[in-house]
Protein backbone atom coordinates (compact mmCIF):
# COMPACT_ATOMS: atom_id res chain seq x y z
CA MET A 1 176.11 61.31 69.18
CA ILE A 2 172.42 61.56 68.78
CA LEU A 3 171.22 60.56 65.31
CA PRO A 4 167.99 61.29 63.58
CA ILE A 5 165.47 58.43 63.53
CA ILE A 6 164.21 57.55 60.00
CA ALA A 7 160.32 58.03 59.83
CA TYR A 8 157.86 55.59 58.41
CA GLY A 9 157.86 55.65 54.60
CA ASP A 10 161.46 55.66 53.92
CA PRO A 11 162.49 52.75 51.85
CA VAL A 12 165.41 51.77 54.16
CA LEU A 13 162.76 50.48 56.66
CA ARG A 14 161.51 47.83 53.97
CA LYS A 15 164.70 46.47 52.85
CA ARG A 16 166.42 43.36 54.19
CA ALA A 17 169.61 44.61 55.87
CA LYS A 18 172.91 43.14 55.09
CA ASN A 19 175.37 41.05 57.27
CA ILE A 20 178.36 43.16 58.64
CA GLU A 21 181.74 42.11 57.59
CA PRO A 22 183.90 41.88 60.68
CA GLY A 23 186.43 44.75 60.64
CA SER A 24 184.46 46.55 58.01
CA MET A 25 183.18 49.28 60.48
CA ASP A 26 183.53 50.43 64.03
CA VAL A 27 180.60 48.61 65.38
CA LYS A 28 181.41 49.91 69.00
CA ALA A 29 181.24 53.37 68.24
CA LEU A 30 177.85 52.95 65.97
CA SER A 31 176.19 51.15 68.86
CA GLU A 32 177.27 53.74 71.33
CA ASN A 33 175.61 56.19 69.00
CA MET A 34 172.58 54.06 68.57
CA PHE A 35 172.15 53.72 72.51
CA GLU A 36 172.43 57.44 72.83
CA THR A 37 169.80 57.99 70.25
CA MET A 38 167.64 55.36 71.66
CA TYR A 39 167.64 56.97 75.14
CA ALA A 40 167.25 60.41 73.86
CA ALA A 41 163.85 58.91 72.16
CA SER A 42 162.91 56.97 75.23
CA GLY A 43 162.99 53.74 73.49
CA VAL A 44 164.03 50.13 74.51
CA GLY A 45 165.38 48.97 71.22
CA LEU A 46 166.81 50.46 68.03
CA ALA A 47 167.68 48.74 64.65
CA ALA A 48 170.32 50.20 62.44
CA PRO A 49 167.72 50.72 59.46
CA GLN A 50 166.16 53.24 61.82
CA ILE A 51 169.11 55.48 61.51
CA GLY A 52 169.33 55.05 57.86
CA GLN A 53 171.88 52.09 57.85
CA SER A 54 170.72 48.91 56.19
CA ILE A 55 172.94 46.59 58.15
CA ARG A 56 172.21 43.79 60.62
CA LEU A 57 172.59 45.46 63.86
CA PHE A 58 170.40 46.29 66.86
CA VAL A 59 170.61 47.57 70.36
CA VAL A 60 168.37 46.80 73.32
CA ASP A 61 167.75 48.07 76.91
CA GLY A 62 164.74 46.86 78.66
CA GLU A 63 165.73 48.20 82.12
CA PRO A 64 163.53 51.34 81.45
CA LEU A 65 160.31 49.23 81.48
CA ASN A 66 161.01 48.36 85.13
CA GLU A 67 161.43 51.99 86.47
CA GLY A 68 159.04 53.21 88.96
CA GLU A 69 157.47 49.42 89.25
CA PRO A 70 156.67 47.95 92.61
CA GLU A 71 159.06 45.01 93.41
CA GLU A 72 156.19 42.52 92.58
CA ASP A 73 155.73 43.92 89.01
CA ILE A 74 159.39 43.91 87.97
CA ASP A 75 159.67 42.06 84.70
CA LYS A 76 162.72 39.70 85.39
CA SER A 77 163.30 39.10 81.64
CA VAL A 78 164.57 42.63 81.12
CA VAL A 79 166.59 43.09 84.34
CA GLY A 80 170.28 43.57 83.05
CA PHE A 81 168.82 43.44 79.58
CA LYS A 82 171.34 45.73 77.63
CA LYS A 83 172.98 44.22 74.58
CA VAL A 84 174.02 44.67 71.08
CA PHE A 85 173.05 42.19 68.39
CA ILE A 86 175.22 41.90 65.23
CA ASN A 87 174.31 39.66 62.48
CA PRO A 88 171.56 38.10 64.44
CA GLU A 89 169.69 35.09 63.46
CA ILE A 90 166.49 33.74 65.27
CA ILE A 91 166.92 30.05 64.99
CA GLU A 92 163.94 28.89 67.22
CA GLU A 93 160.42 30.26 68.29
CA ALA A 94 158.55 28.51 70.84
CA GLY A 95 155.72 28.91 73.25
CA ASP A 96 152.28 30.43 72.93
CA ASP A 97 151.80 33.81 71.02
CA TRP A 98 150.94 36.35 73.48
CA GLY A 99 149.68 40.01 72.60
CA PHE A 100 150.98 43.27 73.76
CA GLU A 101 150.53 46.86 72.48
CA GLU A 102 153.78 47.81 70.64
CA GLY A 103 155.07 51.15 69.38
CA CYS A 104 157.99 52.15 67.20
CA LEU A 105 160.20 55.07 67.13
CA SER A 106 159.92 55.43 63.47
CA ILE A 107 156.22 55.54 63.69
CA PRO A 108 155.44 57.98 66.61
CA GLY A 109 152.02 58.23 68.07
CA ILE A 110 150.73 54.93 66.94
CA ARG A 111 150.34 51.64 68.86
CA GLY A 112 148.88 48.43 68.23
CA GLU A 113 148.52 44.84 69.73
CA VAL A 114 150.80 42.46 68.09
CA PHE A 115 151.06 38.59 69.02
CA ARG A 116 154.45 37.15 69.03
CA PRO A 117 155.86 33.70 70.46
CA GLU A 118 156.96 33.91 73.78
CA ILE A 119 160.28 32.22 73.60
CA ILE A 120 163.03 32.77 71.11
CA VAL A 121 166.60 31.29 70.42
CA ILE A 122 168.86 33.78 68.77
CA ARG A 123 172.58 33.42 67.54
CA TYR A 124 174.41 36.64 67.20
CA PHE A 125 177.73 38.36 67.63
CA ASP A 126 178.74 41.19 70.28
CA VAL A 127 180.75 44.30 69.48
CA ASP A 128 184.10 42.13 70.09
CA TRP A 129 182.80 39.68 67.39
CA ASN A 130 182.16 36.74 69.87
CA GLU A 131 179.43 34.49 68.93
CA HIS A 132 176.68 33.80 71.26
CA GLU A 133 173.32 31.60 71.19
CA GLU A 134 170.91 32.48 73.83
CA GLU A 135 167.40 31.86 74.77
CA TYR A 136 164.99 34.71 75.82
CA ASP A 137 161.35 34.73 76.85
CA GLY A 138 158.61 37.30 77.71
CA MET A 139 159.39 40.91 77.12
CA ALA A 140 162.87 40.57 76.26
CA ALA A 141 162.06 38.15 73.55
CA ARG A 142 159.39 40.52 72.28
CA ILE A 143 161.99 43.29 72.14
CA ILE A 144 164.43 41.16 70.15
CA GLN A 145 161.67 40.14 67.79
CA HIS A 146 160.67 43.69 67.00
CA GLU A 147 164.02 44.73 66.34
CA TYR A 148 164.89 41.81 64.37
CA ASP A 149 161.91 42.46 62.24
CA HIS A 150 163.47 46.00 61.21
CA LEU A 151 166.45 43.88 59.83
CA GLU A 152 164.07 41.90 57.65
CA GLY A 153 162.07 44.96 56.39
CA LYS A 154 159.10 44.39 58.64
CA LEU A 155 157.18 46.85 60.79
CA PHE A 156 154.89 46.18 63.71
CA THR A 157 152.07 47.52 61.57
CA ASP A 158 152.51 44.62 59.40
CA TYR A 159 151.03 42.49 62.14
CA LEU A 160 148.03 44.36 62.82
CA PRO A 161 144.38 43.07 61.61
CA PRO A 162 143.30 44.59 58.25
CA LEU A 163 140.68 46.92 59.70
CA ARG A 164 143.16 48.48 62.11
CA ARG A 165 145.62 48.91 59.22
CA GLN A 166 142.93 50.67 57.32
CA LEU A 167 142.32 53.11 60.64
CA ILE A 168 145.86 54.03 60.80
CA LYS A 169 146.46 54.74 57.16
CA LYS A 170 145.98 58.42 57.55
CA LYS A 171 148.19 58.75 60.36
CA LEU A 172 150.91 56.90 58.72
CA SER A 173 150.72 59.23 55.51
CA GLU A 174 150.97 62.14 57.97
CA ILE A 175 154.20 60.82 59.53
CA THR A 176 155.66 60.18 56.05
CA LYS A 177 154.96 63.95 55.28
CA GLY A 178 156.77 65.01 58.52
CA ARG A 179 153.56 65.80 60.30
CA THR A 180 154.18 64.40 63.74
CA ASP A 181 154.88 65.57 67.24
CA ALA A 182 157.76 63.25 68.23
CA GLU A 183 159.96 64.83 70.85
CA TYR A 184 163.08 63.61 69.33
CA ARG A 185 164.97 64.27 65.78
CA MET A 186 163.55 62.58 62.69
CA LYS A 187 164.38 62.40 59.12
CA PHE A 188 161.54 62.22 56.78
CA PRO A 189 161.23 60.65 53.17
CA LYS A 190 161.95 63.05 50.49
């Protein structure tokens, strides 16, 4: 089921999400709906707060980033990178910070360069409640960090320099009011 994506300005995007208790909900069905919603919006990651649920779960699929790329430009970090992260915890960040222009399905039409560490170690559960501890680098690490931020109540715009934030203030206000040309269903703050 394709769900509406919560727009910038909704308080759920600024709350620290709560852990999910095993057996308290159907995480498989929820994650399937989230993948369907993410694909319909042409995203590579989607966090539960973005569908209005303040719980610690996000889905990622970085494969679309490689579509149409010549062999030498394939990003190996996102090959086969389709996962569900439940109750994740980033336990280590390493390497140099590197910049990349990020966007967000909750903030359509706005992008900005964000600097993040190149390597992370994350502990999480999958949909069968198996615990994992894995290291990621490059674009896979960036996608995880971006979605993890949603669970902490942070948005990529928080990392932008003050002048850039000032320049996008009006656009953000327009999104909050429902004035956006997103090509997917959105839910706007009341």
